[in-house]
Amino acid sequence: MPGKSGKTSSNSAFMKPMQPDEALAGVIGNQPLPRTEVTKKIWDYIRKHNLQDPKDKRTIRADDKLKAIFGGKASVSMFEMTRLVNNHLKEAR
């Protein structure tokens, strides 16, 4: 499609490797990853441990590892989760 090639630079921030802190590394590992991969790995963890609320799939129930990421909250919405996870990432060096 014409005009789409100009948008590649806007996605480069999502592809920049980010270093997870110790709490997040307990869930996704300690290797620097792009935000897209961080999100994918968190969702893999949530599904593997059956942490979505069965009545409301948008709500994530935290186990001990996720509580450390979620600021001690027992559950968060998937939209809130993204914001909380970003607090545990810094630029990889």
Protein backbone atom coordinates (compact mmCIF):
# COMPACT_ATOMS: atom_id res chain seq x y z
CA MET A 1 0.00 0.00 0.00
CA PRO A 2 1.28 3.45 -0.77
CA GLY A 3 2.28 5.62 2.15
CA LYS A 4 2.81 2.74 4.53
CA SER A 5 6.61 2.83 4.24
CA GLY A 6 6.71 6.15 6.11
CA LYS A 7 5.34 4.54 9.27
CA THR A 8 8.25 2.21 10.00
CA SER A 9 10.06 4.77 12.13
CA SER A 10 7.03 5.17 14.43
CA ASN A 11 7.25 1.48 15.36
CA SER A 12 10.98 1.54 16.10
CA ALA A 13 10.37 2.40 19.77
CA PHE A 14 8.45 -0.87 20.17
CA MET A 15 11.33 -2.81 18.64
CA LYS A 16 14.08 -1.31 20.83
CA PRO A 17 15.37 -3.90 23.33
CA MET A 18 14.32 -3.14 26.90
CA GLN A 19 15.92 -4.58 30.03
CA PRO A 20 13.46 -6.10 32.54
CA ASP A 21 14.10 -5.45 36.23
CA GLU A 22 14.42 -8.33 38.71
CA ALA A 23 10.67 -8.68 39.36
CA LEU A 24 9.77 -8.83 35.67
CA ALA A 25 12.75 -11.08 34.90
CA GLY A 26 11.16 -13.66 37.22
CA VAL A 27 8.35 -13.97 34.68
CA ILE A 28 9.96 -13.37 31.27
CA GLY A 29 13.68 -13.96 31.83
CA ASN A 30 16.46 -11.39 32.14
CA GLN A 31 17.38 -10.92 28.47
CA PRO A 32 16.67 -7.53 26.84
CA LEU A 33 13.57 -7.80 24.63
CA PRO A 34 11.46 -5.46 22.50
CA ARG A 35 8.21 -4.38 24.20
CA THR A 36 6.25 -6.54 21.76
CA GLU A 37 8.10 -9.66 22.95
CA VAL A 38 7.74 -8.63 26.61
CA THR A 39 3.97 -8.44 26.15
CA LYS A 40 3.91 -11.77 24.32
CA LYS A 41 5.90 -13.53 27.06
CA ILE A 42 3.70 -12.10 29.81
CA TRP A 43 0.58 -13.34 28.03
CA ASP A 44 2.20 -16.76 27.56
CA TYR A 45 2.84 -16.84 31.33
CA ILE A 46 -0.74 -15.74 32.12
CA ARG A 47 -2.22 -18.45 29.87
CA LYS A 48 0.17 -21.15 31.10
CA HIS A 49 -0.79 -20.46 34.73
CA ASN A 50 -4.50 -19.89 33.97
CA LEU A 51 -4.49 -16.36 35.47
CA GLN A 52 -7.26 -14.78 33.39
CA ASP A 53 -10.53 -14.34 35.27
CA PRO A 54 -12.92 -16.88 33.69
CA LYS A 55 -15.88 -14.48 34.02
CA ASP A 56 -14.02 -11.45 32.61
CA LYS A 57 -11.09 -12.32 30.35
CA ARG A 58 -9.88 -8.69 30.51
CA THR A 59 -8.99 -9.15 34.18
CA ILE A 60 -5.68 -10.75 35.14
CA ARG A 61 -5.44 -12.46 38.53
CA ALA A 62 -1.94 -12.10 39.98
CA ASP A 63 0.09 -14.93 41.42
CA ASP A 64 3.08 -14.08 43.65
CA LYS A 65 5.37 -13.27 40.70
CA LEU A 66 2.82 -11.00 39.03
CA LYS A 67 1.91 -9.25 42.31
CA ALA A 68 5.50 -7.97 42.41
CA ILE A 69 4.97 -6.45 38.95
CA PHE A 70 1.43 -5.22 39.67
CA GLY A 71 2.41 -3.25 42.77
CA GLY A 72 0.91 -5.81 45.16
CA LYS A 73 -2.53 -5.81 43.50
CA ALA A 74 -4.41 -9.12 43.41
CA SER A 75 -5.89 -8.37 39.98
CA VAL A 76 -5.60 -5.76 37.24
CA SER A 77 -7.22 -5.09 33.87
CA MET A 78 -5.16 -6.02 30.84
CA PHE A 79 -4.90 -2.30 30.01
CA GLU A 80 -3.58 -1.44 33.47
CA MET A 81 -1.17 -4.39 33.22
CA THR A 82 0.58 -2.81 30.22
CA ARG A 83 1.22 0.42 32.14
CA LEU A 84 2.46 -1.47 35.22
CA VAL A 85 4.79 -3.68 33.17
CA ASN A 86 6.34 -0.61 31.53
CA ASN A 87 7.42 0.55 34.99
CA HIS A 88 9.66 -2.54 35.16
CA LEU A 89 11.50 -1.88 31.88
CA LYS A 90 14.47 0.32 31.11
CA GLU A 91 16.52 0.80 27.98
CA ALA A 92 19.06 -1.94 27.44
CA ARG A 93 22.67 -0.81 27.21
